Every structure is written in structure tokens, then in C-alpha cells.
Amino acid sequence: MEKNKKQDVKTTNQPPVKQFRAGGIQASIWENTNKELQVFKTVTFERSYKDKDGEWKKTGTLRIQDLPKATLVLNKAYEFCVTKQEQDETEE
């Protein structure tokens, strides 16, 4: 049985390519490059909230009422990635 190989990914301090937000829910799209210089996109997802002391925090945990907003921002992120990929392919 073949073991999963981790891809070596070059990380930079670049800002996200695109962000989608609905209330405290946010999806960010990042552009990455592996050691073979192949470019690919990844998506991070988080919910912002204030803790009991009024400090802003971030989490990947959702409440039931967050699900519609999460669906919206993830669909927008997916749509952006797919249409951007199609545009890039037609420009080649």
C-alpha cells in the first residue's frame, strides 16, 4: 500500500488572492507553489467572534446559525476558483 506523500509547498507572506465575507464568516483564497513550481489554490475558512472579555477571536468551529453564511462564502470561493482557472486556461 502506498503511503500519502506530503507536497512541499512554498509559503510566502503574500496576502490572499481573494476573500469572501458574510458577517463573521470568512473564506480566503491563497495561491501556493509546490517544489515542481506548479501553482495551485487553497482555501482557509474561519469565524470571528468576541469572547467574554470583548476580545476578537477566530475559530473554525461553526454554530448552527452560521451554516447558511458558511455555505455562501464557500460557494463564492469555489465559483471564483473555477472561473479563474477557466479564464487562465483560455488565456494560455
PDB file of N, CA and C in Angstrom:
ATOM      1  N   MET A   1       0.842  -1.169   0.000  1.00  0.00           N
ATOM      2  CA  MET A   1       0.000   0.000   0.000  1.00  0.00           C
ATOM      3  C   MET A   1       0.897   1.245   0.000  1.00  0.00           C
ATOM      4  N   GLU A   2       0.566   2.224  -0.842  1.00  0.00           N
ATOM      5  CA  GLU A   2       1.371   3.420  -0.978  1.00  0.00           C
ATOM      6  C   GLU A   2       1.028   4.414   0.119  1.00  0.00           C
ATOM      7  N   LYS A   3       2.040   4.981   0.721  1.00  0.00           N
ATOM      8  CA  LYS A   3       1.818   5.990   1.746  1.00  0.00           C
ATOM      9  C   LYS A   3       1.563   7.335   1.082  1.00  0.00           C
ATOM     10  N   ASN A   4       0.732   8.162   1.729  1.00  0.00           N
ATOM     11  CA  ASN A   4       0.491   9.518   1.222  1.00  0.00           C
ATOM     12  C   ASN A   4       1.753  10.342   1.363  1.00  0.00           C
ATOM     13  N   LYS A   5       2.118  11.041   0.298  1.00  0.00           N
ATOM     14  CA  LYS A   5       3.286  11.908   0.323  1.00  0.00           C
ATOM     15  C   LYS A   5       2.816  13.333   0.535  1.00  0.00           C
ATOM     16  N   LYS A   6       3.509  14.031   1.411  1.00  0.00           N
ATOM     17  CA  LYS A   6       3.209  15.433   1.638  1.00  0.00           C
ATOM     18  C   LYS A   6       3.866  16.251   0.544  1.00  0.00           C
ATOM     19  N   GLN A   7       3.128  17.194  -0.035  1.00  0.00           N
ATOM     20  CA  GLN A   7       3.715  18.067  -1.040  1.00  0.00           C
ATOM     21  C   GLN A   7       4.493  19.165  -0.330  1.00  0.00           C
ATOM     22  N   ASP A   8       5.698  19.455  -0.838  1.00  0.00           N
ATOM     23  CA  ASP A   8       6.450  20.588  -0.321  1.00  0.00           C
ATOM     24  C   ASP A   8       5.848  21.834  -0.934  1.00  0.00           C
ATOM     25  N   VAL A   9       5.353  22.715  -0.083  1.00  0.00           N
ATOM     26  CA  VAL A   9       4.680  23.916  -0.548  1.00  0.00           C
ATOM     27  C   VAL A   9       5.498  25.126  -0.138  1.00  0.00           C
ATOM     28  N   LYS A  10       5.742  25.995  -1.097  1.00  0.00           N
ATOM     29  CA  LYS A  10       6.455  27.236  -0.825  1.00  0.00           C
ATOM     30  C   LYS A  10       5.456  28.222  -0.227  1.00  0.00           C
ATOM     31  N   THR A  11       5.746  28.695   0.961  1.00  0.00           N
ATOM     32  CA  THR A  11       4.863  29.652   1.597  1.00  0.00           C
ATOM     33  C   THR A  11       5.514  31.025   1.575  1.00  0.00           C
ATOM     34  N   THR A  12       4.706  32.034   1.398  1.00  0.00           N
ATOM     35  CA  THR A  12       5.187  33.411   1.408  1.00  0.00           C
ATOM     36  C   THR A  12       4.277  34.218   2.320  1.00  0.00           C
ATOM     37  N   ASN A  13       4.645  35.443   2.540  1.00  0.00           N
ATOM     38  CA  ASN A  13       3.808  36.321   3.351  1.00  0.00           C
ATOM     39  C   ASN A  13       2.883  37.152   2.464  1.00  0.00           C
ATOM     40  N   GLN A  14       2.472  36.585   1.356  1.00  0.00           N
ATOM     41  CA  GLN A  14       1.583  37.266   0.433  1.00  0.00           C
ATOM     42  C   GLN A  14       0.163  37.297   0.996  1.00  0.00           C
ATOM     43  N   PRO A  15      -0.583  38.344   0.687  1.00  0.00           N
ATOM     44  CA  PRO A  15      -1.987  38.370   1.121  1.00  0.00           C
ATOM     45  C   PRO A  15      -2.810  37.368   0.306  1.00  0.00           C
ATOM     46  N   PRO A  16      -4.008  37.057   0.760  1.00  0.00           N
ATOM     47  CA  PRO A  16      -4.847  36.157  -0.027  1.00  0.00           C
ATOM     48  C   PRO A  16      -5.178  36.761  -1.391  1.00  0.00           C
ATOM     49  N   VAL A  17      -5.408  35.891  -2.364  1.00  0.00           N
ATOM     50  CA  VAL A  17      -5.790  36.322  -3.708  1.00  0.00           C
ATOM     51  C   VAL A  17      -7.166  36.974  -3.669  1.00  0.00           C
ATOM     52  N   LYS A  18      -8.045  36.413  -2.841  1.00  0.00           N
ATOM     53  CA  LYS A  18      -9.418  36.899  -2.751  1.00  0.00           C
ATOM     54  C   LYS A  18      -9.997  36.477  -1.407  1.00  0.00           C
ATOM     55  N   GLN A  19     -10.899  37.292  -0.864  1.00  0.00           N
ATOM     56  CA  GLN A  19     -11.604  36.941   0.369  1.00  0.00           C
ATOM     57  C   GLN A  19     -13.093  37.178   0.168  1.00  0.00           C
ATOM     58  N   PHE A  20     -13.877  36.316   0.779  1.00  0.00           N
ATOM     59  CA  PHE A  20     -15.331  36.460   0.781  1.00  0.00           C
ATOM     60  C   PHE A  20     -15.781  36.445   2.230  1.00  0.00           C
ATOM     61  N   ARG A  21     -16.669  37.382   2.578  1.00  0.00           N
ATOM     62  CA  ARG A  21     -17.117  37.509   3.951  1.00  0.00           C
ATOM     63  C   ARG A  21     -18.631  37.684   3.997  1.00  0.00           C
ATOM     64  N   ALA A  22     -19.237  37.043   4.982  1.00  0.00           N
ATOM     65  CA  ALA A  22     -20.652  37.242   5.284  1.00  0.00           C
ATOM     66  C   ALA A  22     -20.745  37.298   6.803  1.00  0.00           C
ATOM     67  N   GLY A  23     -20.918  38.501   7.339  1.00  0.00           N
ATOM     68  CA  GLY A  23     -20.904  38.659   8.786  1.00  0.00           C
ATOM     69  C   GLY A  23     -19.540  38.275   9.325  1.00  0.00           C
ATOM     70  N   GLY A  24     -19.513  37.419  10.326  1.00  0.00           N
ATOM     71  CA  GLY A  24     -18.257  36.983  10.923  1.00  0.00           C
ATOM     72  C   GLY A  24     -17.624  35.787  10.239  1.00  0.00           C
ATOM     73  N   ILE A  25     -18.199  35.328   9.133  1.00  0.00           N
ATOM     74  CA  ILE A  25     -17.698  34.156   8.421  1.00  0.00           C
ATOM     75  C   ILE A  25     -16.856  34.614   7.234  1.00  0.00           C
ATOM     76  N   GLN A  26     -15.671  34.031   7.084  1.00  0.00           N
ATOM     77  CA  GLN A  26     -14.776  34.445   6.000  1.00  0.00           C
ATOM     78  C   GLN A  26     -14.075  33.248   5.373  1.00  0.00           C
ATOM     79  N   ALA A  27     -13.992  33.267   4.043  1.00  0.00           N
ATOM     80  CA  ALA A  27     -13.194  32.300   3.288  1.00  0.00           C
ATOM     81  C   ALA A  27     -12.129  33.097   2.539  1.00  0.00           C
ATOM     82  N   SER A  28     -10.880  32.654   2.643  1.00  0.00           N
ATOM     83  CA  SER A  28      -9.759  33.312   1.965  1.00  0.00           C
ATOM     84  C   SER A  28      -9.128  32.338   0.983  1.00  0.00           C
ATOM     85  N   ILE A  29      -8.815  32.828  -0.203  1.00  0.00           N
ATOM     86  CA  ILE A  29      -8.200  32.005  -1.244  1.00  0.00           C
ATOM     87  C   ILE A  29      -6.733  32.392  -1.346  1.00  0.00           C
ATOM     88  N   TRP A  30      -5.877  31.378  -1.299  1.00  0.00           N
ATOM     89  CA  TRP A  30      -4.434  31.577  -1.335  1.00  0.00           C
ATOM     90  C   TRP A  30      -3.852  30.895  -2.566  1.00  0.00           C
ATOM     91  N   GLU A  31      -2.811  31.480  -3.112  1.00  0.00           N
ATOM     92  CA  GLU A  31      -2.104  30.866  -4.229  1.00  0.00           C
ATOM     93  C   GLU A  31      -0.785  30.307  -3.699  1.00  0.00           C
ATOM     94  N   ASN A  32      -0.539  29.047  -3.976  1.00  0.00           N
ATOM     95  CA  ASN A  32       0.647  28.347  -3.491  1.00  0.00           C
ATOM     96  C   ASN A  32       1.422  27.756  -4.656  1.00  0.00           C
ATOM     97  N   THR A  33       2.684  27.449  -4.416  1.00  0.00           N
ATOM     98  CA  THR A  33       3.547  26.817  -5.410  1.00  0.00           C
ATOM     99  C   THR A  33       4.274  25.669  -4.742  1.00  0.00           C
ATOM    100  N   ASN A  34       4.257  24.493  -5.387  1.00  0.00           N
ATOM    101  CA  ASN A  34       4.999  23.362  -4.825  1.00  0.00           C
ATOM    102  C   ASN A  34       6.416  23.347  -5.389  1.00  0.00           C
ATOM    103  N   LYS A  35       7.212  22.355  -4.987  1.00  0.00           N
ATOM    104  CA  LYS A  35       8.621  22.347  -5.409  1.00  0.00           C
ATOM    105  C   LYS A  35       8.796  22.125  -6.904  1.00  0.00           C
ATOM    106  N   GLU A  36       7.776  21.607  -7.585  1.00  0.00           N
ATOM    107  CA  GLU A  36       7.826  21.457  -9.044  1.00  0.00           C
ATOM    108  C   GLU A  36       7.356  22.734  -9.742  1.00  0.00           C
ATOM    109  N   LEU A  37       7.161  23.794  -8.970  1.00  0.00           N
ATOM    110  CA  LEU A  37       6.708  25.104  -9.450  1.00  0.00           C
ATOM    111  C   LEU A  37       5.305  25.073 -10.049  1.00  0.00           C
ATOM    112  N   GLN A  38       4.502  24.127  -9.602  1.00  0.00           N
ATOM    113  CA  GLN A  38       3.098  24.090 -10.005  1.00  0.00           C
ATOM    114  C   GLN A  38       2.310  24.997  -9.061  1.00  0.00           C
ATOM    115  N   VAL A  39       1.482  25.851  -9.643  1.00  0.00           N
ATOM    116  CA  VAL A  39       0.686  26.785  -8.861  1.00  0.00           C
ATOM    117  C   VAL A  39      -0.680  26.168  -8.609  1.00  0.00           C
ATOM    118  N   PHE A  40      -1.143  26.278  -7.370  1.00  0.00           N
ATOM    119  CA  PHE A  40      -2.474  25.790  -7.021  1.00  0.00           C
ATOM    120  C   PHE A  40      -3.061  26.682  -5.944  1.00  0.00           C
ATOM    121  N   LYS A  41      -4.346  26.599  -5.777  1.00  0.00           N
ATOM    122  CA  LYS A  41      -5.041  27.430  -4.801  1.00  0.00           C
ATOM    123  C   LYS A  41      -5.510  26.586  -3.617  1.00  0.00           C
ATOM    124  N   THR A  42      -5.524  27.220  -2.452  1.00  0.00           N
ATOM    125  CA  THR A  42      -6.102  26.611  -1.261  1.00  0.00           C
ATOM    126  C   THR A  42      -7.060  27.614  -0.645  1.00  0.00           C
ATOM    127  N   VAL A  43      -7.967  27.114   0.178  1.00  0.00           N
ATOM    128  CA  VAL A  43      -8.963  27.971   0.815  1.00  0.00           C
ATOM    129  C   VAL A  43      -8.898  27.752   2.319  1.00  0.00           C
ATOM    130  N   THR A  44      -8.824  28.859   3.062  1.00  0.00           N
ATOM    131  CA  THR A  44      -8.956  28.788   4.510  1.00  0.00           C
ATOM    132  C   THR A  44     -10.296  29.371   4.894  1.00  0.00           C
ATOM    133  N   PHE A  45     -10.776  28.956   6.050  1.00  0.00           N
ATOM    134  CA  PHE A  45     -12.120  29.298   6.457  1.00  0.00           C
ATOM    135  C   PHE A  45     -12.105  29.598   7.955  1.00  0.00           C
ATOM    136  N   GLU A  46     -12.783  30.672   8.369  1.00  0.00           N
ATOM    137  CA  GLU A  46     -12.824  30.985   9.795  1.00  0.00           C
ATOM    138  C   GLU A  46     -14.050  31.797  10.166  1.00  0.00           C
ATOM    139  N   ARG A  47     -14.351  31.753  11.457  1.00  0.00           N
ATOM    140  CA  ARG A  47     -15.433  32.561  12.021  1.00  0.00           C
ATOM    141  C   ARG A  47     -14.817  33.461  13.081  1.00  0.00           C
ATOM    142  N   SER A  48     -15.125  34.758  13.010  1.00  0.00           N
ATOM    143  CA  SER A  48     -14.666  35.719  14.005  1.00  0.00           C
ATOM    144  C   SER A  48     -15.759  35.914  15.040  1.00  0.00           C
ATOM    145  N   TYR A  49     -15.351  36.090  16.286  1.00  0.00           N
ATOM    146  CA  TYR A  49     -16.305  36.322  17.372  1.00  0.00           C
ATOM    147  C   TYR A  49     -15.612  37.071  18.495  1.00  0.00           C
ATOM    148  N   LYS A  50     -16.398  37.688  19.359  1.00  0.00           N
ATOM    149  CA  LYS A  50     -15.856  38.343  20.540  1.00  0.00           C
ATOM    150  C   LYS A  50     -16.011  37.410  21.727  1.00  0.00           C
ATOM    151  N   ASP A  51     -14.948  37.283  22.513  1.00  0.00           N
ATOM    152  CA  ASP A  51     -15.023  36.443  23.705  1.00  0.00           C
ATOM    153  C   ASP A  51     -15.679  37.219  24.852  1.00  0.00           C
ATOM    154  N   LYS A  52     -15.746  36.611  26.020  1.00  0.00           N
ATOM    155  CA  LYS A  52     -16.443  37.225  27.158  1.00  0.00           C
ATOM    156  C   LYS A  52     -15.800  38.529  27.606  1.00  0.00           C
ATOM    157  N   ASP A  53     -14.521  38.742  27.257  1.00  0.00           N
ATOM    158  CA  ASP A  53     -13.822  39.981  27.612  1.00  0.00           C
ATOM    159  C   ASP A  53     -13.888  41.030  26.505  1.00  0.00           C
ATOM    160  N   GLY A  54     -14.610  40.728  25.423  1.00  0.00           N
ATOM    161  CA  GLY A  54     -14.747  41.657  24.313  1.00  0.00           C
ATOM    162  C   GLY A  54     -13.597  41.628  23.329  1.00  0.00           C
ATOM    163  N   GLU A  55     -12.715  40.636  23.457  1.00  0.00           N
ATOM    164  CA  GLU A  55     -11.576  40.488  22.551  1.00  0.00           C
ATOM    165  C   GLU A  55     -12.007  39.700  21.315  1.00  0.00           C
ATOM    166  N   TRP A  56     -11.531  40.132  20.130  1.00  0.00           N
ATOM    167  CA  TRP A  56     -11.839  39.406  18.895  1.00  0.00           C
ATOM    168  C   TRP A  56     -10.995  38.144  18.815  1.00  0.00           C
ATOM    169  N   LYS A  57     -11.648  37.031  18.486  1.00  0.00           N
ATOM    170  CA  LYS A  57     -11.002  35.724  18.322  1.00  0.00           C
ATOM    171  C   LYS A  57     -11.449  35.125  17.001  1.00  0.00           C
ATOM    172  N   LYS A  58     -10.720  34.094  16.557  1.00  0.00           N
ATOM    173  CA  LYS A  58     -11.084  33.382  15.329  1.00  0.00           C
ATOM    174  C   LYS A  58     -11.123  31.896  15.614  1.00  0.00           C
ATOM    175  N   THR A  59     -12.036  31.205  14.916  1.00  0.00           N
ATOM    176  CA  THR A  59     -12.182  29.765  15.085  1.00  0.00           C
ATOM    177  C   THR A  59     -12.669  29.142  13.781  1.00  0.00           C
ATOM    178  N   GLY A  60     -12.480  27.856  13.660  1.00  0.00           N
ATOM    179  CA  GLY A  60     -13.030  27.092  12.542  1.00  0.00           C
ATOM    180  C   GLY A  60     -14.324  26.406  12.924  1.00  0.00           C
ATOM    181  N   THR A  61     -14.730  26.570  14.166  1.00  0.00           N
ATOM    182  CA  THR A  61     -15.964  25.952  14.664  1.00  0.00           C
ATOM    183  C   THR A  61     -17.159  26.826  14.318  1.00  0.00           C
ATOM    184  N   LEU A  62     -18.208  26.189  13.832  1.00  0.00           N
ATOM    185  CA  LEU A  62     -19.415  26.923  13.440  1.00  0.00           C
ATOM    186  C   LEU A  62     -20.578  26.602  14.367  1.00  0.00           C
ATOM    187  N   ARG A  63     -21.453  27.578  14.509  1.00  0.00           N
ATOM    188  CA  ARG A  63     -22.732  27.363  15.186  1.00  0.00           C
ATOM    189  C   ARG A  63     -23.761  27.041  14.099  1.00  0.00           C
ATOM    190  N   ILE A  64     -24.864  26.494  14.496  1.00  0.00           N
ATOM    191  CA  ILE A  64     -25.915  26.136  13.520  1.00  0.00           C
ATOM    192  C   ILE A  64     -26.301  27.348  12.680  1.00  0.00           C
ATOM    193  N   GLN A  65     -26.468  28.496  13.312  1.00  0.00           N
ATOM    194  CA  GLN A  65     -26.897  29.691  12.569  1.00  0.00           C
ATOM    195  C   GLN A  65     -25.816  30.227  11.625  1.00  0.00           C
ATOM    196  N   ASP A  66     -24.585  29.728  11.739  1.00  0.00           N
ATOM    197  CA  ASP A  66     -23.504  30.145  10.829  1.00  0.00           C
ATOM    198  C   ASP A  66     -23.521  29.387   9.507  1.00  0.00           C
ATOM    199  N   LEU A  67     -24.212  28.268   9.464  1.00  0.00           N
ATOM    200  CA  LEU A  67     -24.145  27.399   8.286  1.00  0.00           C
ATOM    201  C   LEU A  67     -24.584  28.069   6.986  1.00  0.00           C
ATOM    202  N   PRO A  68     -25.682  28.841   6.966  1.00  0.00           N
ATOM    203  CA  PRO A  68     -26.038  29.499   5.696  1.00  0.00           C
ATOM    204  C   PRO A  68     -24.954  30.461   5.196  1.00  0.00           C
ATOM    205  N   LYS A  69     -24.354  31.233   6.104  1.00  0.00           N
ATOM    206  CA  LYS A  69     -23.289  32.155   5.704  1.00  0.00           C
ATOM    207  C   LYS A  69     -22.049  31.389   5.258  1.00  0.00           C
ATOM    208  N   ALA A  70     -21.747  30.295   5.936  1.00  0.00           N
ATOM    209  CA  ALA A  70     -20.604  29.461   5.557  1.00  0.00           C
ATOM    210  C   ALA A  70     -20.812  28.899   4.154  1.00  0.00           C
ATOM    211  N   THR A  71     -22.004  28.421   3.887  1.00  0.00           N
ATOM    212  CA  THR A  71     -22.320  27.896   2.556  1.00  0.00           C
ATOM    213  C   THR A  71     -22.138  28.972   1.501  1.00  0.00           C
ATOM    214  N   LEU A  72     -22.604  30.172   1.789  1.00  0.00           N
ATOM    215  CA  LEU A  72     -22.494  31.285   0.846  1.00  0.00           C
ATOM    216  C   LEU A  72     -21.037  31.606   0.525  1.00  0.00           C
ATOM    217  N   VAL A  73     -20.196  31.805   1.560  1.00  0.00           N
ATOM    218  CA  VAL A  73     -18.814  32.201   1.279  1.00  0.00           C
ATOM    219  C   VAL A  73     -18.016  31.070   0.640  1.00  0.00           C
ATOM    220  N   LEU A  74     -18.304  29.826   1.007  1.00  0.00           N
ATOM    221  CA  LEU A  74     -17.592  28.711   0.379  1.00  0.00           C
ATOM    222  C   LEU A  74     -18.012  28.541  -1.077  1.00  0.00           C
ATOM    223  N   ASN A  75     -19.297  28.736  -1.376  1.00  0.00           N
ATOM    224  CA  ASN A  75     -19.741  28.692  -2.773  1.00  0.00           C
ATOM    225  C   ASN A  75     -19.103  29.800  -3.591  1.00  0.00           C
ATOM    226  N   LYS A  76     -18.991  30.992  -3.021  1.00  0.00           N
ATOM    227  CA  LYS A  76     -18.348  32.113  -3.711  1.00  0.00           C
ATOM    228  C   LYS A  76     -16.865  31.799  -3.964  1.00  0.00           C
ATOM    229  N   ALA A  77     -16.198  31.215  -2.979  1.00  0.00           N
ATOM    230  CA  ALA A  77     -14.788  30.852  -3.133  1.00  0.00           C
ATOM    231  C   ALA A  77     -14.628  29.812  -4.240  1.00  0.00           C
ATOM    232  N   TYR A  78     -15.496  28.819  -4.240  1.00  0.00           N
ATOM    233  CA  TYR A  78     -15.435  27.780  -5.268  1.00  0.00           C
ATOM    234  C   TYR A  78     -15.679  28.385  -6.650  1.00  0.00           C
ATOM    235  N   GLU A  79     -16.701  29.229  -6.763  1.00  0.00           N
ATOM    236  CA  GLU A  79     -17.017  29.875  -8.040  1.00  0.00           C
ATOM    237  C   GLU A  79     -15.829  30.701  -8.528  1.00  0.00           C
ATOM    238  N   PHE A  80     -15.202  31.456  -7.632  1.00  0.00           N
ATOM    239  CA  PHE A  80     -14.039  32.262  -8.014  1.00  0.00           C
ATOM    240  C   PHE A  80     -12.912  31.377  -8.535  1.00  0.00           C
ATOM    241  N   CYS A  81     -12.609  30.308  -7.819  1.00  0.00           N
ATOM    242  CA  CYS A  81     -11.505  29.428  -8.216  1.00  0.00           C
ATOM    243  C   CYS A  81     -11.766  28.757  -9.557  1.00  0.00           C
ATOM    244  N   VAL A  82     -12.969  28.287  -9.756  1.00  0.00           N
ATOM    245  CA  VAL A  82     -13.300  27.587 -11.005  1.00  0.00           C
ATOM    246  C   VAL A  82     -13.306  28.557 -12.183  1.00  0.00           C
ATOM    247  N   THR A  83     -13.924  29.715 -12.031  1.00  0.00           N
ATOM    248  CA  THR A  83     -13.970  30.658 -13.150  1.00  0.00           C
ATOM    249  C   THR A  83     -12.593  31.245 -13.423  1.00  0.00           C
ATOM    250  N   LYS A  84     -11.797  31.471 -12.376  1.00  0.00           N
ATOM    251  CA  LYS A  84     -10.425  31.972 -12.554  1.00  0.00           C
ATOM    252  C   LYS A  84      -9.580  30.942 -13.289  1.00  0.00           C
ATOM    253  N   GLN A  85      -9.729  29.671 -12.942  1.00  0.00           N
ATOM    254  CA  GLN A  85      -8.977  28.599 -13.611  1.00  0.00           C
ATOM    255  C   GLN A  85      -9.369  28.517 -15.079  1.00  0.00           C
ATOM    256  N   GLU A  86     -10.673  28.619 -15.371  1.00  0.00           N
ATOM    257  CA  GLU A  86     -11.131  28.570 -16.756  1.00  0.00           C
ATOM    258  C   GLU A  86     -10.597  29.764 -17.545  1.00  0.00           C
ATOM    259  N   GLN A  87     -10.569  30.953 -16.931  1.00  0.00           N
ATOM    260  CA  GLN A  87     -10.036  32.146 -17.598  1.00  0.00           C
ATOM    261  C   GLN A  87      -8.549  31.953 -17.887  1.00  0.00           C
ATOM    262  N   ASP A  88      -7.811  31.436 -16.896  1.00  0.00           N
ATOM    263  CA  ASP A  88      -6.375  31.225 -17.074  1.00  0.00           C
ATOM    264  C   ASP A  88      -6.098  30.224 -18.193  1.00  0.00           C
ATOM    265  N   GLU A  89      -6.914  29.188 -18.296  1.00  0.00           N
ATOM    266  CA  GLU A  89      -6.713  28.168 -19.331  1.00  0.00           C
ATOM    267  C   GLU A  89      -6.999  28.720 -20.721  1.00  0.00           C
ATOM    268  N   THR A  90      -7.986  29.597 -20.854  1.00  0.00           N
ATOM    269  CA  THR A  90      -8.309  30.164 -22.177  1.00  0.00           C
ATOM    270  C   THR A  90      -7.276  31.200 -22.602  1.00  0.00           C
ATOM    271  N   GLU A  91      -6.567  31.795 -21.634  1.00  0.00           N
ATOM    272  CA  GLU A  91      -5.531  32.779 -21.963  1.00  0.00           C
ATOM    273  C   GLU A  91      -4.242  32.124 -22.412  1.00  0.00           C
ATOM    274  N   GLU A  92      -4.052  30.841 -22.136  1.00  0.00           N
ATOM    275  CA  GLU A  92      -2.811  30.144 -22.499  1.00  0.00           C
ATOM    276  C   GLU A  92      -2.706  29.875 -23.974  1.00  0.00           C
TER     277      GLU A  92
END
